[in-house]
Amino acid sequence: MNLLVSRLSKHWLFTSLLTVTFLLVISTQSFAQESTSRIPTNIELFSAVNTAWMVIAALLVFFMNAGFAMLEAGICRTENSTNVLAKNLIVFCVAASAFFLFGFRFMFGDSENSLFGQVGFFVDFIFPSKENLNPFPQGFEYIRSFWENRSFAAIFFFQLSFAGTVATIVSGAVAERIKFWGFILFSFVLVGFIYPLVGYWVWGESGWIANVLNFHDFAGATVIHAVGGTAALVGAWVLGPRDGRFGYDAEQETFLFERDTEKFEPCNTGFTTLGCLILWLGWFGFNGGSTRFLDYVPHVITTTMFSATAGGLAILFYSPLVTGYKVKLSSIINGLLGGLVSITASSAYVDVLGACIIGAVGGILVLIGEGLLEKKLLRIDDPVSAVPVHLFCGIWGTIAVGIFAQSFSREFSSVYPVTQQFLYQALGCSCVVVVTFLLSLIAWVLIGLSLYALNLNESGYIQNTSNNVGIFTAARRGLRVTLEDEKAGSDATIIM
């Protein structure tokens, strides 16, 4: 019996070796035939690497939506979590639709016009083939040359992830009191028209700010963060504070008290911390994916990391001087985010020391900005500090380019002295912020008036039912949920 088992084992071993040898011979011949028929060129391999990194970076930026959702849900009150999460979930769908229908052509289409790109609908995606591995639709030769060795689909997805971020920034500033459809409609207008318009001025083929002022914004401190922060500021101002915030009475639509009459503490610090860490991770793709040169990616990621670190540490040392000996967790989180926003404009232009200075100033600027918005003259209710983090730090990061940028960077081309480049950066950023403010104000008011007209006959909206109200009052009533829904944390559109 043992002899039979031994012979069978040897027979099985011999058969297995023969089979493996046969398969290796066949596969080697097939590989040789395939190699002789088509040997990939270095250009094609480099194109694949560039495109793969851009897609990975875009996925990291897309994942930042989870960070924004966690951050906002953790800071807002528990009863608002469902509405907050729903807005953060659907906003990318809205942004994708608007950017695909209008925004991408408007922002990146070939045009000799200095104000806007192509006016048209939809984006054509040509399926790759053996004859054309990297097809580009007509009208996009500029981005083909600017983003060398990247596929068109990868470029679109990367820019779409940026566009979605702009709308998500607004969500936090108007949380807990905006109607779901008011936010959705504004997000569509912002991503479809306002953001692409000012974005073309900076990143488009013939954009006047970039060409006239030699304006530099590497990954969007102005184009994305200052634009989103400005739109958020206008929205929060038009809406007014949450009921009880700064002593505001939503029923009477006036400030009856000097201080808060309700508690507005974060409901889940674990969510906010997780959200911050997700955003920090996503920022490596945000900035790292924006460089045209793969050899710059490690440097960009390093400056991004140290700027965030400096922003958090600056809060740790500066906050006790302002608020006392205790440092709030939310302040550290916003300091980190302020450092990340601040370095977005220059992460490929500056060295690590410059990044640390930029991030530290950005972190401190967030605390100063929060205090400014809470002053009696303004009383802007911004639950997640979106305006200080994105608008104030976006402006600072943009003008910091003129101070800290290194002329030997391949991503930075400027022959102007520091003072002149600083002024150009400030002027370019100011133009974007002013135009965004005006267009956002028009959009918020028109959307509010439309919703007000639809809800004019509804009972229980706000007890003051007089039709003889001003434009801004009517717009606010159209955009805000009812007082009952605000206290319940819903606008009767989204349920658990």
Protein backbone atom coordinates (compact mmCIF):
# COMPACT_ATOMS: atom_id res chain seq x y z
CA MET A 1 0.00 0.00 0.00
CA ASN A 2 2.74 2.39 0.90
CA LEU A 3 4.54 1.52 -2.36
CA LEU A 4 1.39 2.36 -4.36
CA VAL A 5 0.99 5.72 -2.62
CA SER A 6 4.64 6.52 -3.28
CA ARG A 7 4.33 5.76 -6.99
CA LEU A 8 1.13 7.78 -7.31
CA SER A 9 2.79 10.74 -5.57
CA LYS A 10 5.75 10.62 -7.94
CA HIS A 11 3.42 10.35 -10.92
CA TRP A 12 1.40 13.37 -9.71
CA LEU A 13 4.59 15.37 -9.14
CA PHE A 14 5.93 14.54 -12.60
CA THR A 15 2.60 15.45 -14.24
CA SER A 16 2.45 18.76 -12.36
CA LEU A 17 6.00 19.71 -13.34
CA LEU A 18 5.28 18.85 -16.98
CA THR A 19 2.11 20.96 -16.96
CA VAL A 20 3.81 23.97 -15.36
CA THR A 21 6.69 23.75 -17.85
CA PHE A 22 4.25 23.63 -20.77
CA LEU A 23 2.33 26.68 -19.48
CA LEU A 24 5.54 28.65 -18.96
CA VAL A 25 6.69 27.92 -22.52
CA ILE A 26 3.33 28.91 -23.99
CA SER A 27 3.11 32.12 -21.90
CA THR A 28 6.69 33.08 -22.77
CA GLN A 29 5.98 32.70 -26.48
CA SER A 30 2.78 34.71 -26.16
CA PHE A 31 4.58 37.48 -24.27
CA ALA A 32 7.33 37.51 -26.89
CA GLN A 33 4.79 37.81 -29.67
CA GLU A 34 2.92 40.60 -27.82
CA SER A 35 6.18 42.41 -27.05
CA THR A 36 7.30 42.34 -30.66
CA SER A 37 3.89 43.41 -31.88
CA ARG A 38 3.62 46.44 -29.58
CA ILE A 39 6.20 47.76 -27.15
CA PRO A 40 4.82 50.55 -24.88
CA THR A 41 6.74 53.78 -25.32
CA ASN A 42 8.10 55.86 -22.47
CA ILE A 43 5.58 58.58 -23.30
CA GLU A 44 2.66 56.18 -22.90
CA LEU A 45 4.00 54.83 -19.60
CA PHE A 46 4.55 58.36 -18.31
CA SER A 47 1.02 59.28 -19.39
CA ALA A 48 -0.35 56.34 -17.43
CA VAL A 49 1.57 57.34 -14.30
CA ASN A 50 0.49 60.98 -14.54
CA THR A 51 -3.12 60.05 -15.15
CA ALA A 52 -3.15 57.49 -12.35
CA TRP A 53 -1.83 60.02 -9.84
CA MET A 54 -4.40 62.60 -10.94
CA VAL A 55 -7.22 60.09 -10.47
CA ILE A 56 -5.90 59.10 -7.02
CA ALA A 57 -5.63 62.77 -6.05
CA ALA A 58 -9.18 63.39 -7.29
CA LEU A 59 -10.43 60.48 -5.19
CA LEU A 60 -8.73 61.97 -2.14
CA VAL A 61 -10.42 65.31 -2.81
CA PHE A 62 -13.75 63.55 -3.36
CA PHE A 63 -13.32 61.79 0.00
CA MET A 64 -13.09 65.23 1.60
CA ASN A 65 -16.89 65.32 1.27
CA ALA A 66 -16.95 62.78 4.09
CA GLY A 67 -14.71 65.07 6.13
CA PHE A 68 -16.96 68.08 5.60
CA ALA A 69 -20.02 65.98 6.51
CA MET A 70 -18.44 64.66 9.72
CA LEU A 71 -17.12 68.07 10.72
CA GLU A 72 -20.43 69.83 10.17
CA ALA A 73 -22.56 67.10 11.74
CA GLY A 74 -20.31 67.05 14.81
CA ILE A 75 -20.36 70.80 15.33
CA CYS A 76 -24.08 71.29 14.76
CA ARG A 77 -26.74 70.20 17.24
CA THR A 78 -27.88 66.60 17.34
CA GLU A 79 -31.38 67.26 16.01
CA ASN A 80 -29.86 68.74 12.84
CA SER A 81 -27.62 65.80 11.99
CA THR A 82 -29.97 64.16 9.45
CA ASN A 83 -30.52 67.39 7.53
CA VAL A 84 -26.81 68.25 7.63
CA LEU A 85 -25.73 64.83 6.37
CA ALA A 86 -28.36 64.86 3.63
CA LYS A 87 -27.13 68.22 2.35
CA ASN A 88 -23.52 67.08 2.33
CA LEU A 89 -24.47 63.86 0.55
CA ILE A 90 -26.58 65.40 -2.21
CA VAL A 91 -24.47 68.50 -2.82
CA PHE A 92 -21.87 66.63 -4.87
CA CYS A 93 -24.63 65.23 -7.07
CA VAL A 94 -25.84 68.77 -7.69
CA ALA A 95 -22.31 70.04 -8.28
CA ALA A 96 -21.56 67.24 -10.73
CA SER A 97 -24.72 68.01 -12.70
CA ALA A 98 -24.05 71.75 -12.86
CA PHE A 99 -20.38 71.34 -13.74
CA PHE A 100 -21.14 68.78 -16.45
CA LEU A 101 -23.98 70.81 -17.96
CA PHE A 102 -22.42 74.28 -17.90
CA GLY A 103 -19.47 74.84 -15.61
CA PHE A 104 -16.61 72.89 -17.18
CA ARG A 105 -16.98 74.42 -20.66
CA PHE A 106 -17.52 77.84 -19.13
CA MET A 107 -14.32 77.55 -17.09
CA PHE A 108 -11.90 75.53 -19.22
CA GLY A 109 -13.17 75.67 -22.80
CA ASP A 110 -10.83 77.23 -25.36
CA SER A 111 -11.63 80.91 -25.83
CA GLU A 112 -9.90 84.14 -26.75
CA ASN A 113 -12.37 85.97 -24.55
CA SER A 114 -10.76 87.30 -21.39
CA LEU A 115 -13.99 87.08 -19.36
CA PHE A 116 -15.33 83.57 -19.90
CA GLY A 117 -14.68 80.34 -21.76
CA GLN A 118 -17.10 78.44 -23.95
CA VAL A 119 -20.83 78.93 -23.65
CA GLY A 120 -22.44 75.57 -24.30
CA PHE A 121 -24.01 72.47 -22.85
CA PHE A 122 -22.53 69.18 -21.71
CA VAL A 123 -19.01 67.82 -22.05
CA ASP A 124 -18.11 65.29 -24.75
CA PHE A 125 -16.20 62.23 -23.57
CA ILE A 126 -14.54 60.31 -26.43
CA PHE A 127 -13.99 56.63 -25.70
CA PRO A 128 -10.28 55.66 -25.89
CA SER A 129 -9.24 53.33 -28.70
CA LYS A 130 -6.09 51.59 -29.91
CA GLU A 131 -5.57 54.35 -32.44
CA ASN A 132 -6.13 57.14 -29.91
CA LEU A 133 -5.29 56.23 -26.32
CA ASN A 134 -5.87 59.73 -24.98
CA PRO A 135 -8.65 61.43 -26.97
CA PHE A 136 -9.64 65.03 -26.22
CA PRO A 137 -12.89 66.57 -27.49
CA GLN A 138 -12.71 69.67 -29.65
CA GLY A 139 -12.44 72.95 -27.83
CA PHE A 140 -10.10 71.85 -25.04
CA GLU A 141 -6.64 72.15 -26.55
CA TYR A 142 -5.48 74.51 -23.83
CA ILE A 143 -5.95 72.04 -20.98
CA ARG A 144 -4.44 69.30 -23.16
CA SER A 145 -1.22 71.33 -23.42
CA PHE A 146 -1.34 72.59 -19.82
CA TRP A 147 -1.97 69.16 -18.30
CA GLU A 148 0.44 67.21 -20.46
CA ASN A 149 0.20 63.41 -20.45
CA ARG A 150 -3.13 63.30 -18.59
CA SER A 151 -6.36 61.86 -19.91
CA PHE A 152 -9.29 64.18 -20.47
CA ALA A 153 -11.54 62.17 -18.16
CA ALA A 154 -8.98 62.38 -15.35
CA ILE A 155 -8.72 66.16 -15.74
CA PHE A 156 -12.50 66.51 -15.70
CA PHE A 157 -12.87 64.35 -12.60
CA PHE A 158 -10.13 66.22 -10.77
CA GLN A 159 -11.69 69.60 -11.54
CA LEU A 160 -15.14 68.27 -10.66
CA SER A 161 -13.89 67.27 -7.21
CA PHE A 162 -12.68 70.86 -6.79
CA ALA A 163 -16.02 72.28 -7.92
CA GLY A 164 -17.88 70.12 -5.42
CA THR A 165 -15.69 71.49 -2.63
CA VAL A 166 -16.82 75.05 -3.36
CA ALA A 167 -20.47 74.20 -2.73
CA THR A 168 -19.67 72.10 0.34
CA ILE A 169 -17.91 75.07 1.98
CA VAL A 170 -21.20 76.99 1.91
CA SER A 171 -23.12 74.21 3.64
CA GLY A 172 -21.51 74.70 7.04
CA ALA A 173 -22.05 78.45 7.21
CA VAL A 174 -25.80 78.25 6.57
CA ALA A 175 -26.43 75.10 8.60
CA GLU A 176 -29.40 74.58 10.93
CA ARG A 177 -31.71 77.18 9.40
CA ILE A 178 -31.71 77.00 5.59
CA LYS A 179 -34.33 75.24 3.52
CA PHE A 180 -33.03 72.17 1.76
CA TRP A 181 -34.11 73.35 -1.69
CA GLY A 182 -32.74 76.83 -1.11
CA PHE A 183 -29.29 75.33 -0.55
CA ILE A 184 -29.63 72.98 -3.53
CA LEU A 185 -30.63 75.75 -5.94
CA PHE A 186 -27.83 78.04 -4.82
CA SER A 187 -25.27 75.24 -5.09
CA PHE A 188 -26.31 74.66 -8.71
CA VAL A 189 -25.91 78.35 -9.57
CA LEU A 190 -22.60 78.59 -7.71
CA VAL A 191 -20.97 75.58 -9.39
CA GLY A 192 -22.61 76.05 -12.77
CA PHE A 193 -21.93 79.77 -13.27
CA ILE A 194 -20.32 81.85 -10.50
CA TYR A 195 -17.35 79.59 -9.72
CA PRO A 196 -16.52 78.86 -13.40
CA LEU A 197 -16.68 82.56 -14.28
CA VAL A 198 -14.10 83.75 -11.74
CA GLY A 199 -12.20 80.49 -12.11
CA TYR A 200 -11.68 81.17 -15.81
CA TRP A 201 -10.13 84.53 -14.96
CA VAL A 202 -7.40 82.73 -13.01
CA TRP A 203 -7.09 79.27 -14.62
CA GLY A 204 -8.68 79.68 -18.05
CA GLU A 205 -6.87 80.04 -21.36
CA SER A 206 -7.22 83.83 -21.69
CA GLY A 207 -8.39 84.78 -18.21
CA TRP A 208 -7.67 88.43 -17.62
CA ILE A 209 -6.50 88.19 -13.99
CA ALA A 210 -3.82 85.62 -14.77
CA ASN A 211 -2.66 87.31 -17.96
CA VAL A 212 -2.82 90.98 -16.94
CA LEU A 213 -1.69 90.64 -13.33
CA ASN A 214 0.46 87.50 -13.60
CA PHE A 215 -1.73 86.23 -10.77
CA HIS A 216 -0.78 82.89 -9.20
CA ASP A 217 -3.09 80.56 -7.31
CA PHE A 218 -1.58 77.09 -7.36
CA ALA A 219 -4.45 74.93 -6.03
CA GLY A 220 -7.28 77.37 -5.39
CA ALA A 221 -6.90 79.48 -2.25
CA THR A 222 -8.78 82.20 -4.11
CA VAL A 223 -10.59 80.27 -6.84
CA ILE A 224 -12.03 77.65 -4.48
CA HIS A 225 -11.71 78.70 -0.85
CA ALA A 226 -12.17 82.47 -1.10
CA VAL A 227 -15.04 81.96 -3.56
CA GLY A 228 -16.73 79.37 -1.33
CA GLY A 229 -16.07 81.47 1.76
CA THR A 230 -17.52 84.61 0.15
CA ALA A 231 -20.66 82.77 -0.99
CA ALA A 232 -20.97 81.37 2.54
CA LEU A 233 -20.60 84.84 4.09
CA VAL A 234 -23.38 86.27 1.92
CA GLY A 235 -25.65 83.33 2.64
CA ALA A 236 -25.15 83.54 6.40
CA TRP A 237 -25.75 87.30 6.31
CA VAL A 238 -28.95 87.07 4.26
CA LEU A 239 -30.32 84.24 6.40
CA GLY A 240 -29.60 85.85 9.74
CA PRO A 241 -28.49 83.96 12.86
CA ARG A 242 -30.04 80.81 14.24
CA ASP A 243 -32.84 81.38 16.72
CA GLY A 244 -31.21 82.27 20.03
CA ARG A 245 -27.75 82.96 18.59
CA PHE A 246 -26.48 86.40 19.65
CA GLY A 247 -29.91 86.85 21.27
CA TYR A 248 -31.68 86.69 17.89
CA ASP A 249 -35.42 86.03 17.89
CA ALA A 250 -36.36 84.34 14.61
CA GLU A 251 -40.07 84.96 15.20
CA GLN A 252 -39.65 88.71 15.67
CA GLU A 253 -36.70 88.83 13.24
CA THR A 254 -34.65 91.02 15.53
CA PHE A 255 -32.03 90.87 18.28
CA LEU A 256 -33.80 90.99 21.65
CA PHE A 257 -30.85 90.08 23.88
CA GLU A 258 -27.13 90.74 24.01
CA ARG A 259 -26.00 87.11 24.39
CA ASP A 260 -27.00 83.65 23.26
CA THR A 261 -30.31 82.44 24.64
CA GLU A 262 -29.73 78.85 23.48
CA LYS A 263 -26.82 76.41 23.75
CA PHE A 264 -24.81 75.89 20.58
CA GLU A 265 -22.11 73.50 21.72
CA PRO A 266 -20.79 70.78 19.33
CA CYS A 267 -22.81 67.61 19.70
CA ASN A 268 -20.08 65.11 18.78
CA THR A 269 -16.41 66.00 19.15
CA GLY A 270 -15.46 62.60 17.74
CA PHE A 271 -17.16 63.45 14.46
CA THR A 272 -15.44 66.83 14.25
CA THR A 273 -12.01 65.34 14.94
CA LEU A 274 -12.53 62.56 12.40
CA GLY A 275 -13.75 65.10 9.88
CA CYS A 276 -10.64 67.21 10.39
CA LEU A 277 -8.33 64.23 9.88
CA ILE A 278 -10.19 63.21 6.70
CA LEU A 279 -9.88 66.74 5.34
CA TRP A 280 -6.19 66.81 6.22
CA LEU A 281 -5.65 63.58 4.29
CA GLY A 282 -7.70 64.83 1.35
CA TRP A 283 -5.64 68.00 1.17
CA PHE A 284 -2.60 65.99 0.13
CA GLY A 285 -4.53 65.13 -3.02
CA PHE A 286 -5.95 68.64 -3.24
CA ASN A 287 -2.52 70.24 -3.46
CA GLY A 288 -0.45 67.27 -4.62
CA GLY A 289 -2.70 66.61 -7.60
CA SER A 290 -2.49 70.23 -8.75
CA THR A 291 1.16 70.11 -9.78
CA ARG A 292 1.99 69.41 -13.41
CA PHE A 293 5.30 67.81 -12.48
CA LEU A 294 5.32 64.48 -10.65
CA ASP A 295 8.71 65.20 -9.11
CA TYR A 296 7.09 68.13 -7.25
CA VAL A 297 4.48 65.96 -5.52
CA PRO A 298 6.60 65.05 -2.44
CA HIS A 299 7.54 68.68 -1.88
CA VAL A 300 3.94 69.86 -2.22
CA ILE A 301 2.72 67.23 0.24
CA THR A 302 5.48 68.18 2.69
CA THR A 303 4.71 71.91 2.64
CA THR A 304 1.01 71.10 3.02
CA MET A 305 1.69 68.93 6.06
CA PHE A 306 3.90 71.47 7.82
CA SER A 307 1.55 74.37 7.15
CA ALA A 308 -1.30 72.46 8.81
CA THR A 309 1.00 71.52 11.69
CA ALA A 310 2.02 75.14 12.18
CA GLY A 311 -1.62 76.24 12.13
CA GLY A 312 -2.52 73.81 14.91
CA LEU A 313 0.51 74.68 17.03
CA ALA A 314 -0.11 78.40 16.59
CA ILE A 315 -3.56 77.94 18.09
CA LEU A 316 -2.07 75.96 20.96
CA PHE A 317 0.19 78.86 21.94
CA TYR A 318 -1.91 81.84 20.82
CA SER A 319 -5.34 80.80 22.08
CA PRO A 320 -4.49 81.03 25.81
CA LEU A 321 -3.45 84.64 25.27
CA VAL A 322 -6.93 85.45 23.94
CA THR A 323 -9.37 83.10 25.68
CA GLY A 324 -7.51 82.10 28.83
CA TYR A 325 -5.48 79.06 29.74
CA LYS A 326 -7.69 76.44 28.15
CA VAL A 327 -7.54 75.66 24.43
CA LYS A 328 -10.76 74.55 22.73
CA LEU A 329 -10.68 71.46 20.56
CA SER A 330 -12.69 73.27 17.88
CA SER A 331 -10.03 76.01 17.80
CA ILE A 332 -7.25 73.47 17.18
CA ILE A 333 -9.31 71.87 14.40
CA ASN A 334 -10.00 75.21 12.74
CA GLY A 335 -6.35 76.22 13.16
CA LEU A 336 -5.27 73.09 11.29
CA LEU A 337 -7.79 73.78 8.54
CA GLY A 338 -6.72 77.42 8.40
CA GLY A 339 -3.14 76.31 7.83
CA LEU A 340 -4.27 73.97 5.05
CA VAL A 341 -6.28 76.66 3.28
CA SER A 342 -3.46 79.18 3.63
CA ILE A 343 -0.88 76.97 1.89
CA THR A 344 -3.20 76.03 -0.98
CA ALA A 345 -2.11 78.96 -3.14
CA SER A 346 1.63 78.42 -2.74
CA SER A 347 2.45 74.83 -1.75
CA ALA A 348 4.53 74.33 -4.92
CA TYR A 349 6.17 77.77 -4.68
CA VAL A 350 7.53 77.94 -1.12
CA ASP A 351 10.01 76.09 1.07
CA VAL A 352 9.12 74.38 4.34
CA LEU A 353 10.01 77.39 6.51
CA GLY A 354 7.77 79.62 4.41
CA ALA A 355 4.98 77.04 4.67
CA CYS A 356 5.27 77.03 8.46
CA ILE A 357 5.00 80.82 8.65
CA ILE A 358 2.04 80.86 6.26
CA GLY A 359 0.26 78.13 8.22
CA ALA A 360 0.89 79.72 11.62
CA VAL A 361 -0.50 83.07 10.50
CA GLY A 362 -3.48 81.28 8.97
CA GLY A 363 -4.26 79.47 12.21
CA ILE A 364 -4.19 82.68 14.23
CA LEU A 365 -6.23 84.45 11.57
CA VAL A 366 -9.06 81.96 12.09
CA LEU A 367 -9.38 82.93 15.77
CA ILE A 368 -9.30 86.62 14.90
CA GLY A 369 -11.89 86.10 12.17
CA GLU A 370 -14.23 84.22 14.48
CA GLY A 371 -14.12 87.08 16.95
CA LEU A 372 -14.71 89.62 14.20
CA LEU A 373 -17.84 87.89 12.91
CA GLU A 374 -19.28 87.76 16.43
CA LYS A 375 -18.93 91.51 16.96
CA LYS A 376 -22.18 93.37 17.53
CA LEU A 377 -21.78 95.28 14.30
CA LEU A 378 -21.79 92.08 12.20
CA ARG A 379 -23.21 89.17 14.25
CA ILE A 380 -22.71 86.70 11.41
CA ASP A 381 -23.73 83.21 12.54
CA ASP A 382 -21.28 80.73 11.01
CA PRO A 383 -21.60 77.41 12.88
CA VAL A 384 -18.46 75.77 11.44
CA SER A 385 -16.32 78.93 11.00
CA ALA A 386 -16.37 78.45 7.21
CA VAL A 387 -15.86 82.16 6.58
CA PRO A 388 -12.72 82.64 8.73
CA VAL A 389 -11.20 79.35 7.59
CA HIS A 390 -11.90 79.58 3.87
CA LEU A 391 -12.38 83.27 3.07
CA PHE A 392 -9.93 84.94 5.45
CA CYS A 393 -7.24 82.27 5.15
CA GLY A 394 -7.84 81.98 1.40
CA ILE A 395 -7.11 85.70 1.01
CA TRP A 396 -4.07 85.49 3.27
CA GLY A 397 -2.69 82.46 1.46
CA THR A 398 -3.11 84.18 -1.90
CA ILE A 399 -1.26 87.35 -1.00
CA ALA A 400 1.39 85.29 0.82
CA VAL A 401 2.46 84.04 -2.61
CA GLY A 402 3.89 87.46 -3.30
CA ILE A 403 5.97 87.30 -0.10
CA PHE A 404 7.25 83.74 0.13
CA ALA A 405 7.22 82.30 -3.42
CA GLN A 406 10.59 81.08 -4.73
CA SER A 407 11.37 82.22 -8.28
CA PHE A 408 13.21 78.99 -9.13
CA SER A 409 10.05 76.89 -8.79
CA ARG A 410 8.98 75.48 -12.17
CA GLU A 411 5.36 76.06 -11.17
CA PHE A 412 5.97 79.75 -10.47
CA SER A 413 6.81 82.21 -13.23
CA SER A 414 7.20 85.79 -12.14
CA VAL A 415 9.71 88.47 -13.07
CA TYR A 416 8.23 91.05 -10.74
CA PRO A 417 9.77 92.17 -7.45
CA VAL A 418 8.15 91.04 -4.21
CA THR A 419 6.22 94.27 -3.62
CA GLN A 420 4.71 94.30 -7.11
CA GLN A 421 3.77 90.62 -7.06
CA PHE A 422 2.22 91.11 -3.62
CA LEU A 423 0.06 93.95 -4.94
CA TYR A 424 -0.97 91.91 -7.98
CA GLN A 425 -1.97 89.00 -5.76
CA ALA A 426 -4.02 91.28 -3.52
CA LEU A 427 -5.68 93.01 -6.47
CA GLY A 428 -6.55 89.77 -8.24
CA CYS A 429 -7.98 88.19 -5.11
CA SER A 430 -9.98 91.33 -4.34
CA CYS A 431 -11.56 91.30 -7.80
CA VAL A 432 -12.64 87.68 -7.40
CA VAL A 433 -14.06 88.25 -3.92
CA VAL A 434 -16.00 91.40 -4.91
CA VAL A 435 -17.54 89.80 -8.01
CA THR A 436 -18.37 86.62 -6.09
CA PHE A 437 -19.98 88.68 -3.34
CA LEU A 438 -22.22 90.57 -5.77
CA LEU A 439 -23.20 87.54 -7.84
CA SER A 440 -23.84 85.45 -4.73
CA LEU A 441 -25.98 88.19 -3.24
CA ILE A 442 -28.08 88.34 -6.40
CA ALA A 443 -28.41 84.55 -6.49
CA TRP A 444 -29.34 84.22 -2.80
CA VAL A 445 -31.92 87.01 -3.03
CA LEU A 446 -33.55 85.75 -6.23
CA ILE A 447 -33.76 82.19 -4.90
CA GLY A 448 -35.15 83.48 -1.60
CA LEU A 449 -37.77 85.62 -3.32
CA SER A 450 -38.85 82.70 -5.47
CA LEU A 451 -39.26 80.41 -2.48
CA TYR A 452 -41.00 83.19 -0.55
CA ALA A 453 -43.55 83.58 -3.34
CA LEU A 454 -44.21 79.83 -3.26
CA ASN A 455 -44.65 79.81 0.51
CA LEU A 456 -46.52 83.09 0.88
CA ASN A 457 -49.85 81.41 1.60
CA GLU A 458 -48.49 78.76 3.94
CA SER A 459 -49.48 79.02 7.57
CA GLY A 460 -46.97 78.90 10.39
CA TYR A 461 -44.05 80.24 8.35
CA ILE A 462 -43.32 83.32 10.43
CA GLN A 463 -46.13 84.94 12.34
CA ASN A 464 -45.47 88.30 10.73
CA THR A 465 -47.47 87.63 7.55
CA SER A 466 -47.49 91.16 6.17
CA ASN A 467 -46.81 91.21 2.44
CA ASN A 468 -45.35 94.71 2.62
CA VAL A 469 -41.82 93.64 3.42
CA GLY A 470 -38.48 94.59 1.97
CA ILE A 471 -36.61 92.53 -0.59
CA PHE A 472 -34.03 91.20 1.85
CA THR A 473 -36.65 90.36 4.47
CA ALA A 474 -38.70 88.48 1.90
CA ALA A 475 -35.60 86.65 0.65
CA ARG A 476 -34.67 85.64 4.19
CA ARG A 477 -38.17 84.34 4.88
CA GLY A 478 -38.04 82.37 1.65
CA LEU A 479 -34.70 80.80 2.49
CA ARG A 480 -35.24 80.06 6.18
CA VAL A 481 -37.12 77.11 7.56
CA THR A 482 -40.04 77.74 9.86
CA LEU A 483 -39.27 78.34 13.51
CA GLU A 484 -40.89 75.00 14.37
CA ASP A 485 -38.75 73.16 11.83
CA GLU A 486 -35.62 74.97 12.98
CA LYS A 487 -36.18 73.79 16.53
CA ALA A 488 -36.88 70.28 15.27
CA GLY A 489 -33.78 70.28 13.08
CA SER A 490 -35.56 69.72 9.77
CA ASP A 491 -37.36 71.52 6.96
CA ALA A 492 -39.83 68.67 6.34
CA THR A 493 -37.95 67.68 3.17
CA ILE A 494 -35.55 65.08 4.56
CA ILE A 495 -36.48 62.53 7.20
CA MET A 496 -34.47 59.76 8.85
